[in-house]
N, C-alpha and C. Protein backbone atom coordinates (compact mmCIF):
# COMPACT_ATOMS: atom_id res chain seq x y z
N MET A 1 -84.80 115.36 -54.45
CA MET A 1 -84.04 115.35 -52.93
C MET A 1 -82.94 115.85 -53.77
N ARG A 2 -81.85 115.09 -54.84
CA ARG A 2 -80.79 115.52 -55.01
C ARG A 2 -80.83 116.47 -55.55
N THR A 3 -82.25 117.37 -56.63
CA THR A 3 -82.55 118.16 -57.27
C THR A 3 -82.12 119.09 -56.64
N ALA A 4 -82.97 118.70 -55.27
CA ALA A 4 -82.64 120.74 -53.99
C ALA A 4 -81.42 120.52 -54.14
N MET A 5 -80.57 119.20 -53.37
CA MET A 5 -79.02 119.39 -53.28
C MET A 5 -78.16 120.15 -53.83
N GLY A 6 -78.76 120.07 -55.31
CA GLY A 6 -77.90 120.22 -56.28
C GLY A 6 -78.04 121.62 -56.44
N VAL A 7 -78.59 122.33 -56.13
CA VAL A 7 -79.02 124.34 -55.89
C VAL A 7 -78.18 124.67 -54.84
N TRP A 8 -77.26 123.54 -53.97
CA TRP A 8 -76.49 124.26 -52.88
C TRP A 8 -75.08 124.89 -53.60
N ARG A 9 -75.19 123.84 -54.30
CA ARG A 9 -73.61 124.42 -55.29
C ARG A 9 -74.03 125.59 -55.82
N TRP A 10 -74.84 126.91 -55.57
CA TRP A 10 -74.66 128.21 -55.82
C TRP A 10 -73.66 128.83 -54.42
N ARG A 11 -73.62 128.69 -54.00
CA ARG A 11 -72.96 128.94 -52.19
C ARG A 11 -71.42 129.27 -52.50
N ARG A 12 -71.17 130.32 -52.11
CA ARG A 12 -70.05 130.48 -52.30
C ARG A 12 -69.16 129.71 -51.64
N ASN A 13 -67.58 129.62 -52.64
CA ASN A 13 -67.31 128.60 -52.20
C ASN A 13 -65.47 128.68 -52.71
N PRO A 14 -64.07 128.89 -52.15
CA PRO A 14 -63.50 129.33 -52.97
C PRO A 14 -62.79 127.94 -53.57
N LEU A 15 -63.37 126.94 -53.20
CA LEU A 15 -62.78 125.74 -53.72
C LEU A 15 -64.39 125.25 -55.35
N ARG A 16 -65.53 126.26 -55.34
CA ARG A 16 -66.35 125.67 -55.96
C ARG A 16 -65.70 125.99 -57.54
N ARG A 17 -65.81 125.29 -58.49
CA ARG A 17 -65.87 124.99 -59.82
C ARG A 17 -66.63 125.38 -60.61
N PRO A 18 -66.51 126.35 -62.30
CA PRO A 18 -67.84 126.54 -62.68
C PRO A 18 -68.73 124.98 -63.26
N THR A 19 -68.12 124.44 -63.36
CA THR A 19 -68.97 123.30 -62.99
C THR A 19 -70.22 123.06 -61.91
N ASP A 20 -69.60 123.21 -60.87
CA ASP A 20 -70.46 123.13 -59.43
C ASP A 20 -71.86 124.22 -60.07
N LEU A 21 -71.25 125.70 -60.84
CA LEU A 21 -72.33 126.74 -60.76
C LEU A 21 -73.28 126.55 -61.90
N PHE A 22 -72.66 125.68 -62.85
CA PHE A 22 -73.81 124.72 -63.98
C PHE A 22 -74.17 124.19 -63.27
N GLU A 23 -73.72 123.38 -62.88
CA GLU A 23 -74.74 122.02 -62.02
C GLU A 23 -75.83 122.53 -61.06
N ALA A 24 -75.68 123.94 -60.49
CA ALA A 24 -76.70 124.58 -59.78
C ALA A 24 -77.89 125.02 -60.24
N TRP A 25 -77.79 125.31 -61.53
CA TRP A 25 -78.26 125.87 -62.74
C TRP A 25 -79.05 124.97 -63.24
N VAL A 26 -78.76 123.78 -63.38
CA VAL A 26 -79.81 122.69 -63.97
C VAL A 26 -80.46 121.80 -63.03
N ALA A 27 -79.83 122.18 -61.53
CA ALA A 27 -80.80 121.53 -60.70
C ALA A 27 -81.95 122.87 -60.60
N PHE A 28 -81.86 124.11 -60.28
CA PHE A 28 -82.35 124.65 -60.40
C PHE A 28 -83.71 124.64 -61.25
N ALA A 29 -83.32 124.86 -62.42
CA ALA A 29 -84.01 124.31 -63.43
C ALA A 29 -85.09 123.03 -63.50
N ALA A 30 -84.34 121.84 -63.16
CA ALA A 30 -84.97 120.63 -62.89
C ALA A 30 -85.91 120.55 -61.95
N LEU A 31 -85.60 121.80 -61.09
CA LEU A 31 -86.20 121.97 -59.59
C LEU A 31 -88.08 122.47 -59.80
N VAL A 32 -87.64 123.80 -61.07
CA VAL A 32 -88.46 124.40 -61.59
C VAL A 32 -89.74 123.42 -62.40
N CYS A 33 -88.91 122.31 -62.68
CA CYS A 33 -90.07 121.66 -64.09
C CYS A 33 -91.31 121.05 -63.15
N VAL A 34 -90.15 120.28 -61.95
CA VAL A 34 -90.89 119.85 -61.09
C VAL A 34 -91.83 119.95 -60.37
N LEU A 35 -91.71 121.55 -59.57
CA LEU A 35 -92.63 121.58 -59.12
C LEU A 35 -93.57 123.00 -59.40
N VAL A 36 -93.56 123.48 -60.75
CA VAL A 36 -94.28 124.29 -61.92
C VAL A 36 -94.33 123.94 -63.39
N VAL A 37 -93.55 123.73 -63.93
CA VAL A 37 -93.91 123.29 -65.44
C VAL A 37 -94.58 121.95 -65.04
N ALA A 38 -94.56 120.89 -64.76
CA ALA A 38 -95.19 119.62 -64.56
C ALA A 38 -96.26 119.68 -64.33
N PRO A 39 -96.56 120.70 -62.63
CA PRO A 39 -98.53 120.54 -62.80
C PRO A 39 -98.88 121.68 -63.82
N ALA A 40 -98.51 122.44 -63.71
CA ALA A 40 -99.39 123.29 -65.21
C ALA A 40 -99.89 122.37 -66.41
N ILE A 41 -98.15 121.05 -67.27
CA ILE A 41 -98.69 121.05 -68.42
C ILE A 41 -100.43 119.93 -67.25
N GLY A 42 -99.87 118.61 -66.62
CA GLY A 42 -100.86 117.88 -66.30
C GLY A 42 -102.41 119.11 -65.78
N TRP A 43 -102.26 120.39 -65.80
CA TRP A 43 -103.31 120.41 -65.67
C TRP A 43 -104.01 120.70 -66.25
N VAL A 44 -103.28 121.44 -67.58
CA VAL A 44 -103.51 122.14 -69.13
C VAL A 44 -104.32 120.46 -69.79
N ALA A 45 -103.29 119.43 -69.51
CA ALA A 45 -103.93 118.27 -69.84
C ALA A 45 -105.35 117.86 -69.58
N GLY A 46 -105.56 117.80 -68.34
CA GLY A 46 -106.64 117.40 -67.77
C GLY A 46 -107.57 117.92 -68.05
N VAL A 47 -107.65 119.32 -68.45
CA VAL A 47 -108.62 120.33 -68.52
C VAL A 47 -109.09 119.69 -70.18
N ARG A 48 -108.28 119.39 -71.23
CA ARG A 48 -108.34 119.50 -72.39
C ARG A 48 -109.03 117.75 -72.64
N VAL A 49 -108.59 116.79 -72.16
CA VAL A 49 -108.93 115.77 -72.03
C VAL A 49 -110.15 115.75 -71.25
N ASP A 50 -110.55 116.29 -70.29
CA ASP A 50 -112.19 116.80 -69.63
C ASP A 50 -113.25 117.38 -70.45
N GLY A 51 -112.25 118.38 -71.20
CA GLY A 51 -113.46 118.66 -71.99
C GLY A 51 -114.05 118.06 -73.64
N THR A 52 -112.87 117.10 -74.01
CA THR A 52 -113.07 116.38 -75.13
C THR A 52 -114.66 114.99 -74.20
N LEU A 53 -113.64 114.43 -73.46
CA LEU A 53 -114.55 113.26 -73.28
C LEU A 53 -115.98 113.86 -72.40
N GLN A 54 -116.10 115.09 -72.38
CA GLN A 54 -117.52 115.28 -71.32
C GLN A 54 -118.41 116.11 -72.86
N GLN A 55 -117.84 116.49 -73.41
CA GLN A 55 -118.45 116.97 -75.25
C GLN A 55 -119.20 115.22 -75.44
N ALA A 56 -117.62 114.39 -75.67
CA ALA A 56 -118.28 113.03 -76.04
C ALA A 56 -119.26 112.32 -75.34
N ALA A 57 -118.91 112.24 -74.01
CA ALA A 57 -120.11 112.13 -73.07
C ALA A 57 -121.52 113.00 -73.51
N GLN A 58 -121.58 113.88 -73.71
CA GLN A 58 -122.56 114.16 -73.91
C GLN A 58 -123.37 114.42 -74.99
N GLU A 59 -122.32 114.33 -76.36
CA GLU A 59 -123.15 113.52 -78.05
C GLU A 59 -123.80 111.76 -77.90
N GLN A 60 -123.13 111.37 -76.91
CA GLN A 60 -123.16 109.93 -76.78
C GLN A 60 -124.69 109.61 -75.86
N ARG A 61 -125.22 110.96 -74.52
CA ARG A 61 -126.58 110.78 -74.35
C ARG A 61 -127.51 110.96 -74.92
N GLN A 62 -127.27 112.34 -76.04
CA GLN A 62 -128.06 112.47 -77.01
C GLN A 62 -128.19 111.71 -78.13
N GLU A 63 -127.60 110.92 -78.12
CA GLU A 63 -127.99 110.18 -79.37
C GLU A 63 -128.02 108.50 -78.84
N ARG A 64 -127.68 108.16 -77.90
CA ARG A 64 -128.29 107.23 -77.29
C ARG A 64 -129.49 106.87 -76.39
N HIS A 65 -129.88 105.61 -76.19
CA HIS A 65 -131.83 106.02 -75.84
C HIS A 65 -131.57 104.65 -75.15
N LEU A 66 -132.18 104.60 -73.76
CA LEU A 66 -132.37 103.58 -72.65
C LEU A 66 -133.82 102.72 -73.62
N VAL A 67 -134.20 101.85 -74.11
CA VAL A 67 -135.62 101.78 -74.72
C VAL A 67 -135.90 100.36 -73.91
N PRO A 68 -137.11 99.91 -73.54
CA PRO A 68 -137.65 98.30 -73.10
C PRO A 68 -137.64 97.55 -74.80
N ALA A 69 -136.84 95.99 -73.21
CA ALA A 69 -137.00 95.22 -74.84
C ALA A 69 -137.82 94.18 -73.53
N VAL A 70 -138.77 93.22 -74.61
CA VAL A 70 -138.86 91.84 -74.28
C VAL A 70 -138.70 90.49 -74.35
N VAL A 71 -138.09 89.69 -73.39
CA VAL A 71 -137.58 88.58 -74.06
C VAL A 71 -138.08 87.31 -74.47
N VAL A 72 -137.90 87.18 -75.32
CA VAL A 72 -138.60 86.11 -76.49
C VAL A 72 -138.47 84.73 -76.49
N ARG A 73 -136.82 84.68 -76.08
CA ARG A 73 -136.96 83.15 -76.33
C ARG A 73 -135.26 82.69 -76.13
N PRO A 74 -134.45 81.85 -75.15
CA PRO A 74 -133.01 81.87 -75.02
C PRO A 74 -132.20 81.52 -76.69
N ALA A 75 -131.22 82.17 -76.68
CA ALA A 75 -130.75 81.92 -77.82
C ALA A 75 -130.37 80.71 -78.64
N PRO A 76 -130.23 80.87 -80.14
CA PRO A 76 -129.85 79.44 -80.73
C PRO A 76 -128.27 79.55 -80.25
N VAL A 77 -127.90 78.00 -80.32
CA VAL A 77 -126.47 78.14 -79.90
C VAL A 77 -125.28 78.52 -80.92
N SER A 78 -125.11 78.85 -82.18
CA SER A 78 -124.55 79.43 -82.86
C SER A 78 -124.85 80.34 -82.67
N ALA A 79 -125.84 81.25 -82.38
CA ALA A 79 -125.68 82.91 -81.95
C ALA A 79 -125.22 83.07 -81.09
N VAL A 80 -125.18 82.00 -79.72
CA VAL A 80 -124.75 82.61 -79.00
C VAL A 80 -122.79 82.42 -79.05
N GLU A 81 -122.54 81.40 -79.67
CA GLU A 81 -121.33 81.36 -80.32
C GLU A 81 -120.54 82.43 -80.65
N GLU A 82 -121.27 83.17 -82.02
CA GLU A 82 -120.90 83.92 -82.75
C GLU A 82 -120.76 85.55 -82.25
N VAL A 83 -122.00 85.45 -80.71
CA VAL A 83 -121.60 86.55 -79.71
C VAL A 83 -120.86 86.75 -79.21
N SER A 84 -119.94 85.56 -78.72
CA SER A 84 -118.84 85.31 -77.70
C SER A 84 -117.39 85.46 -78.19
N ALA A 85 -117.55 85.37 -79.32
CA ALA A 85 -116.36 85.45 -80.17
C ALA A 85 -116.48 86.96 -80.83
N ASP A 86 -117.67 88.08 -80.16
CA ASP A 86 -117.15 89.42 -80.63
C ASP A 86 -116.75 90.13 -79.39
N PRO A 87 -115.35 90.65 -79.21
CA PRO A 87 -114.40 91.48 -78.46
C PRO A 87 -115.27 92.09 -77.62
N SER A 88 -115.86 93.22 -78.31
CA SER A 88 -117.06 94.21 -77.99
C SER A 88 -117.98 93.54 -76.83
N ALA A 89 -118.61 92.49 -78.07
CA ALA A 89 -119.66 91.73 -76.83
C ALA A 89 -118.98 91.60 -75.37
N GLN A 90 -117.80 90.54 -75.41
CA GLN A 90 -117.36 90.40 -74.40
C GLN A 90 -116.97 91.66 -73.62
N ARG A 91 -116.81 92.15 -73.37
CA ARG A 91 -116.19 93.36 -72.91
C ARG A 91 -117.64 94.05 -72.50
N THR A 92 -118.61 94.14 -72.78
CA THR A 92 -120.47 95.05 -72.77
C THR A 92 -120.99 94.05 -71.69
N ALA A 93 -120.68 92.49 -71.39
CA ALA A 93 -121.69 91.46 -70.73
C ALA A 93 -120.72 90.25 -70.74
N PRO A 94 -119.98 89.77 -69.86
CA PRO A 94 -119.03 89.01 -69.85
C PRO A 94 -119.81 88.20 -68.95
N HIS A 95 -119.53 86.49 -69.91
CA HIS A 95 -120.31 85.90 -68.95
C HIS A 95 -121.60 85.49 -68.58
N ARG A 96 -122.75 86.22 -69.56
CA ARG A 96 -123.71 86.57 -69.41
C ARG A 96 -124.58 85.62 -70.29
N THR A 97 -125.51 84.95 -69.97
CA THR A 97 -126.57 84.15 -70.92
C THR A 97 -127.39 85.02 -72.06
N GLN A 98 -126.77 84.49 -73.15
CA GLN A 98 -127.25 85.05 -74.70
C GLN A 98 -129.04 84.66 -74.70
N ILE A 99 -129.93 86.07 -74.86
CA ILE A 99 -131.08 85.89 -75.47
C ILE A 99 -131.64 86.27 -76.71
N VAL A 100 -133.10 85.81 -77.34
CA VAL A 100 -133.02 86.86 -78.72
C VAL A 100 -134.43 87.78 -77.47
N ALA A 101 -134.36 88.82 -77.77
CA ALA A 101 -135.15 89.88 -77.75
C ALA A 101 -136.03 90.66 -78.59
N SER A 102 -137.18 91.99 -78.29
CA SER A 102 -137.48 92.85 -78.98
C SER A 102 -137.30 93.65 -78.40
N TRP A 103 -137.80 94.82 -79.04
CA TRP A 103 -137.52 96.19 -79.08
C TRP A 103 -138.40 97.24 -80.13
N THR A 104 -138.61 98.49 -79.47
CA THR A 104 -138.77 99.15 -80.49
C THR A 104 -138.09 100.85 -80.70
N ALA A 105 -137.73 100.94 -81.34
CA ALA A 105 -136.55 101.80 -81.48
C ALA A 105 -137.28 103.41 -81.16
N PRO A 106 -136.44 104.34 -80.84
CA PRO A 106 -137.21 105.71 -80.55
C PRO A 106 -137.84 106.08 -82.03
N ASP A 107 -137.45 105.74 -83.42
CA ASP A 107 -138.57 106.30 -84.26
C ASP A 107 -139.64 105.19 -84.88
N GLY A 108 -139.70 104.56 -83.80
CA GLY A 108 -141.12 103.49 -84.02
C GLY A 108 -140.46 102.29 -84.62
N SER A 109 -139.77 101.81 -85.50
CA SER A 109 -139.25 100.99 -85.92
C SER A 109 -139.10 99.36 -84.86
N SER A 110 -139.66 98.20 -85.36
CA SER A 110 -139.57 97.33 -84.32
C SER A 110 -137.69 96.31 -84.54
N HIS A 111 -137.61 95.26 -83.69
CA HIS A 111 -136.31 94.80 -84.19
C HIS A 111 -136.35 93.88 -82.92
N GLU A 112 -135.67 92.54 -83.44
CA GLU A 112 -135.41 91.50 -82.77
C GLU A 112 -133.87 91.05 -82.63
N GLY A 113 -133.09 90.56 -81.68
CA GLY A 113 -131.70 90.59 -82.42
C GLY A 113 -131.32 90.05 -80.45
N THR A 114 -130.21 89.14 -80.78
CA THR A 114 -129.43 88.61 -79.58
C THR A 114 -128.65 89.44 -78.58
N VAL A 115 -129.04 89.53 -77.42
CA VAL A 115 -128.31 89.78 -76.24
C VAL A 115 -128.16 89.67 -75.27
N PRO A 116 -127.90 90.28 -74.37
CA PRO A 116 -127.26 89.55 -72.87
C PRO A 116 -128.20 89.71 -71.96
N ALA A 117 -128.54 88.66 -71.04
CA ALA A 117 -130.05 88.41 -70.49
C ALA A 117 -129.59 89.23 -69.11
N ALA A 118 -130.39 90.39 -68.80
CA ALA A 118 -130.66 91.61 -68.04
C ALA A 118 -130.82 90.47 -66.63
N GLU A 119 -131.41 89.63 -65.85
CA GLU A 119 -131.26 88.58 -65.11
C GLU A 119 -131.19 87.31 -65.34
N GLU A 120 -130.44 86.56 -64.62
CA GLU A 120 -130.47 84.70 -64.78
C GLU A 120 -131.17 84.18 -63.30
N PRO A 121 -132.18 83.43 -63.45
CA PRO A 121 -132.80 82.78 -65.16
C PRO A 121 -133.32 83.83 -66.37
N PRO A 122 -133.50 83.61 -67.35
CA PRO A 122 -134.14 84.44 -68.06
C PRO A 122 -135.47 84.11 -68.48
N ARG A 123 -136.25 84.45 -68.84
CA ARG A 123 -137.63 83.92 -68.66
C ARG A 123 -138.35 84.93 -69.57
N ALA A 124 -139.39 83.94 -70.55
CA ALA A 124 -140.13 84.59 -71.77
C ALA A 124 -140.73 85.38 -71.25
N GLY A 125 -140.98 86.59 -72.26
CA GLY A 125 -141.76 87.75 -71.01
C GLY A 125 -141.33 88.91 -70.61
N ASP A 126 -139.96 88.55 -70.05
CA ASP A 126 -139.49 88.93 -69.10
C ASP A 126 -139.19 90.51 -69.88
N ARG A 127 -139.33 92.10 -68.94
CA ARG A 127 -138.66 92.80 -69.67
C ARG A 127 -137.76 93.72 -68.80
N PHE A 128 -137.30 94.49 -69.93
CA PHE A 128 -135.37 94.96 -69.46
C PHE A 128 -135.73 95.50 -70.31
N ARG A 129 -134.41 96.60 -70.26
CA ARG A 129 -133.73 97.89 -70.68
C ARG A 129 -132.74 97.83 -71.63
N ILE A 130 -132.32 98.20 -72.88
CA ILE A 130 -131.44 98.15 -73.86
C ILE A 130 -130.95 99.60 -73.93
N TRP A 131 -129.89 99.70 -74.66
CA TRP A 131 -129.47 101.28 -74.93
C TRP A 131 -129.53 100.84 -76.85
N THR A 132 -129.88 101.51 -77.30
CA THR A 132 -129.43 101.87 -78.61
C THR A 132 -129.69 103.06 -79.13
N ASP A 133 -129.16 103.55 -80.37
CA ASP A 133 -129.20 104.38 -81.00
C ASP A 133 -130.76 104.96 -81.54
N ALA A 134 -130.87 105.81 -82.51
CA ALA A 134 -132.56 106.41 -82.91
C ALA A 134 -132.93 105.01 -83.65
N HIS A 135 -132.34 104.56 -84.34
CA HIS A 135 -132.49 103.46 -85.26
C HIS A 135 -133.09 102.49 -84.84
N GLY A 136 -132.57 101.64 -83.86
CA GLY A 136 -132.83 100.95 -82.80
C GLY A 136 -131.72 99.52 -83.02
N ARG A 137 -130.92 100.65 -83.46
CA ARG A 137 -129.15 99.63 -83.29
C ARG A 137 -128.77 99.43 -81.96
N LEU A 138 -128.02 98.40 -82.09
CA LEU A 138 -127.69 98.21 -80.35
C LEU A 138 -125.97 98.65 -80.22
N VAL A 139 -126.27 99.61 -79.79
CA VAL A 139 -124.83 100.35 -78.54
C VAL A 139 -124.88 100.26 -76.96
N GLY A 140 -123.03 100.31 -76.48
CA GLY A 140 -123.02 100.56 -75.20
C GLY A 140 -123.51 101.33 -74.69
N GLN A 141 -123.67 101.60 -72.87
CA GLN A 141 -123.89 102.51 -72.18
C GLN A 141 -123.06 103.88 -72.49
N PRO A 142 -123.94 104.73 -72.58
CA PRO A 142 -123.19 106.44 -72.55
C PRO A 142 -121.73 106.66 -71.49
N LEU A 143 -121.00 107.32 -71.94
CA LEU A 143 -120.05 107.29 -71.11
C LEU A 143 -120.66 108.20 -69.56
N ASP A 144 -120.49 107.68 -68.12
CA ASP A 144 -120.59 109.04 -67.45
C ASP A 144 -119.70 110.06 -67.25
N PRO A 145 -120.26 111.40 -66.95
CA PRO A 145 -119.51 112.10 -66.83
C PRO A 145 -118.34 111.92 -65.57
N SER A 146 -119.17 111.60 -64.63
CA SER A 146 -118.30 111.30 -63.19
C SER A 146 -117.01 109.90 -63.86
N ALA A 147 -116.98 109.75 -64.74
CA ALA A 147 -116.08 108.47 -64.98
C ALA A 147 -115.39 109.61 -66.12
N ALA A 148 -116.39 110.21 -66.61
CA ALA A 148 -115.02 111.22 -68.36
C ALA A 148 -113.69 111.80 -67.10
N ALA A 149 -114.36 112.36 -65.96
CA ALA A 149 -113.78 113.65 -65.09
C ALA A 149 -112.57 112.74 -64.07
N PHE A 150 -113.07 111.36 -64.27
CA PHE A 150 -112.00 110.63 -63.29
C PHE A 150 -110.70 110.26 -64.50
N HIS A 151 -111.12 109.91 -65.66
CA HIS A 151 -110.27 109.44 -66.70
C HIS A 151 -109.40 111.23 -67.11
N ALA A 152 -109.87 111.86 -66.83
CA ALA A 152 -109.06 113.66 -67.53
C ALA A 152 -108.51 113.58 -66.41
N GLY A 153 -108.57 113.19 -64.84
CA GLY A 153 -108.11 113.09 -63.90
C GLY A 153 -106.73 112.64 -63.90
N MET A 154 -107.05 111.25 -64.47
CA MET A 154 -105.34 110.51 -64.73
C MET A 154 -105.12 110.82 -65.52
N ALA A 155 -105.48 110.86 -67.08
CA ALA A 155 -104.19 111.74 -68.00
C ALA A 155 -103.83 112.85 -67.68
N GLY A 156 -104.60 113.86 -66.82
CA GLY A 156 -103.67 115.55 -66.21
C GLY A 156 -102.20 114.54 -65.66
N LEU A 157 -102.77 113.44 -64.65
CA LEU A 157 -101.11 113.23 -63.48
C LEU A 157 -100.10 112.65 -64.39
N ALA A 158 -100.79 111.81 -65.67
CA ALA A 158 -99.75 111.10 -66.10
C ALA A 158 -98.85 112.24 -66.68
N ALA A 159 -99.49 112.73 -66.87
CA ALA A 159 -98.82 114.18 -67.95
C ALA A 159 -98.32 114.41 -67.04
N ALA A 160 -98.22 115.13 -65.61
CA ALA A 160 -97.69 115.42 -65.28
C ALA A 160 -96.83 115.42 -64.35
N ILE A 161 -96.73 113.89 -64.07
CA ILE A 161 -95.34 112.94 -63.24
C ILE A 161 -94.70 112.34 -65.02
N GLY A 162 -94.88 112.56 -66.28
CA GLY A 162 -94.16 112.07 -67.40
C GLY A 162 -93.56 113.49 -67.55
N VAL A 163 -93.75 114.76 -67.00
CA VAL A 163 -93.11 116.07 -67.68
C VAL A 163 -92.19 115.93 -67.01
N ALA A 164 -92.18 115.66 -65.13
CA ALA A 164 -91.49 115.64 -63.96
C ALA A 164 -89.96 114.22 -64.32
N VAL A 165 -90.48 113.89 -64.65
CA VAL A 165 -89.47 112.59 -64.86
C VAL A 165 -88.94 112.65 -65.86
N LEU A 166 -88.91 113.16 -66.87
CA LEU A 166 -88.10 113.62 -68.27
C LEU A 166 -87.27 114.89 -67.16
N GLY A 167 -87.87 115.77 -66.65
CA GLY A 167 -87.13 116.81 -66.39
C GLY A 167 -85.75 116.41 -65.34
N GLU A 168 -86.38 115.22 -64.74
CA GLU A 168 -84.88 114.67 -63.31
C GLU A 168 -84.29 113.94 -64.35
N THR A 169 -84.73 113.66 -65.43
CA THR A 169 -84.09 112.46 -65.82
C THR A 169 -82.88 113.19 -66.92
N VAL A 170 -83.69 114.04 -67.43
CA VAL A 170 -82.13 114.95 -68.11
C VAL A 170 -81.19 115.74 -67.02
N ARG A 171 -81.57 116.28 -66.09
CA ARG A 171 -80.59 116.39 -64.72
C ARG A 171 -79.45 115.52 -64.87
N ARG A 172 -80.31 114.35 -64.37
CA ARG A 172 -78.98 113.56 -64.13
C ARG A 172 -78.25 113.38 -65.64
N LEU A 173 -78.51 112.69 -66.32
CA LEU A 173 -77.91 113.17 -67.64
C LEU A 173 -77.01 113.94 -67.90
N VAL A 174 -77.06 115.46 -67.34
CA VAL A 174 -76.62 116.09 -67.14
C VAL A 174 -75.29 116.54 -66.24
N VAL A 175 -75.63 116.12 -65.12
CA VAL A 175 -75.26 115.93 -63.81
C VAL A 175 -74.17 114.65 -64.28
N ARG A 176 -74.25 113.31 -64.89
CA ARG A 176 -73.52 112.32 -65.17
C ARG A 176 -72.20 112.30 -66.13
N ARG A 177 -72.82 113.54 -66.92
CA ARG A 177 -71.25 114.22 -67.86
C ARG A 177 -70.51 115.10 -67.24
N LEU A 178 -70.68 115.92 -66.62
CA LEU A 178 -70.50 116.58 -65.96
C LEU A 178 -69.08 116.21 -64.85
N VAL A 179 -69.65 115.02 -64.27
CA VAL A 179 -69.32 114.18 -63.65
C VAL A 179 -67.61 113.65 -64.09
N HIS A 180 -68.51 113.62 -65.39
CA HIS A 180 -67.03 112.38 -66.24
C HIS A 180 -66.57 113.00 -66.86
N ARG A 181 -66.50 114.54 -66.82
CA ARG A 181 -65.97 115.47 -67.80
C ARG A 181 -65.06 115.61 -66.65
N ARG A 182 -65.43 115.99 -65.11
CA ARG A 182 -64.12 116.17 -64.03
C ARG A 182 -63.38 115.13 -63.49
N TYR A 183 -64.12 113.95 -63.98
CA TYR A 183 -62.95 112.62 -63.85
C TYR A 183 -61.53 113.02 -64.30
N ILE A 184 -62.41 112.63 -65.94
CA ILE A 184 -61.76 113.08 -67.11
C ILE A 184 -60.63 114.17 -66.71
N ARG A 185 -60.46 115.78 -66.21
CA ARG A 185 -59.74 116.28 -65.84
C ARG A 185 -58.64 116.11 -64.88
N LEU A 186 -59.13 115.13 -63.80
CA LEU A 186 -58.23 114.92 -62.54
C LEU A 186 -57.28 113.91 -63.81
N ASP A 187 -57.78 113.26 -64.38
CA ASP A 187 -56.86 112.10 -64.12
C ASP A 187 -55.72 113.06 -65.15
N ARG A 188 -56.41 113.83 -65.99
CA ARG A 188 -54.88 114.84 -67.10
C ARG A 188 -53.85 115.12 -65.16
N ALA A 189 -55.31 116.24 -64.35
CA ALA A 189 -53.60 116.12 -63.42
C ALA A 189 -53.09 115.64 -62.88
N TRP A 190 -53.80 114.62 -62.77
CA TRP A 190 -53.07 113.33 -61.84
C TRP A 190 -51.60 113.08 -62.85
N ALA A 191 -51.89 113.15 -64.01
CA ALA A 191 -50.72 112.19 -64.79
C ALA A 191 -49.74 113.60 -65.40
N ALA A 192 -49.95 114.62 -65.05
CA ALA A 192 -48.66 115.07 -64.95
C ALA A 192 -48.18 116.23 -63.94
N ALA A 193 -49.12 115.98 -62.50
CA ALA A 193 -48.21 115.78 -61.28
C ALA A 193 -47.56 114.37 -60.99
N GLY A 194 -48.17 113.04 -61.25
CA GLY A 194 -47.62 112.38 -61.00
C GLY A 194 -46.56 111.96 -60.97
N PRO A 195 -45.91 112.28 -62.01
CA PRO A 195 -44.28 111.68 -62.22
C PRO A 195 -43.27 112.53 -60.70
N ASP A 196 -43.72 113.93 -60.77
CA ASP A 196 -43.18 114.42 -59.58
C ASP A 196 -43.44 114.03 -58.00
N TRP A 197 -44.49 113.60 -58.55
CA TRP A 197 -45.44 113.61 -56.85
C TRP A 197 -43.86 112.81 -55.71
N GLY A 198 -44.00 113.59 -54.49
CA GLY A 198 -42.97 113.04 -53.24
C GLY A 198 -41.49 113.22 -53.92
N ARG A 199 -41.03 114.08 -55.25
CA ARG A 199 -39.48 113.96 -55.00
C ARG A 199 -39.27 115.82 -54.15
N ALA A 200 -37.91 115.69 -53.74
CA ALA A 200 -37.94 117.59 -53.33
C ALA A 200 -37.60 117.92 -54.45
N GLY A 201 -38.12 119.38 -54.28
CA GLY A 201 -37.13 120.01 -54.73
C GLY A 201 -38.15 120.10 -56.14
N ALA A 202 -39.47 119.06 -56.43
CA ALA A 202 -40.45 119.42 -57.33
C ALA A 202 -41.11 120.50 -57.44
N GLY A 203 -40.93 121.24 -58.45
CA GLY A 203 -41.93 122.02 -59.29
C GLY A 203 -41.08 123.42 -58.41
N SER A 204 -40.11 123.34 -57.99
CA SER A 204 -38.91 124.89 -57.59
C SER A 204 -38.47 124.74 -58.60
């Protein structure tokens, strides 16, 4: 609102100062930044981030495979403690019972390891599916395209807001500097006219 009001300083007025006109141009530049530049930069940033994330999601879908696994037995206490100490495992499956499972990789190799249980309570012989790479190593679930698009949209929105805030911040700093200079000039003018203020015939 203050940015838009600053543009009104363009109107003709016998009391308009040069700094008022300069402030109007600053307000106009800030308004263009908020209404045009910021959305454009946000759109470009969102498109680029979306392209990068969608490519990463596609590569993950090609490199990661959902393979069947079989519950063998509950995981030993030492294995559970080791997995719970791994931050990536905690992010993948927090508060999940750890079990020993076996699976066959897409390349035909057999594997056995500690993984989070798919169901509670886990029972030996239960079948479930896990994500692995082509060689059977455990990996996370591939990035979903819709999630990638959401993150890209948020990145674009953040970029647009950042540019708009930057433009408004610059405008405020410039206006603050102009107001400071006006007060300095006013103090100087008052200091020059002050001694003669109210005296008859002053300035004649």
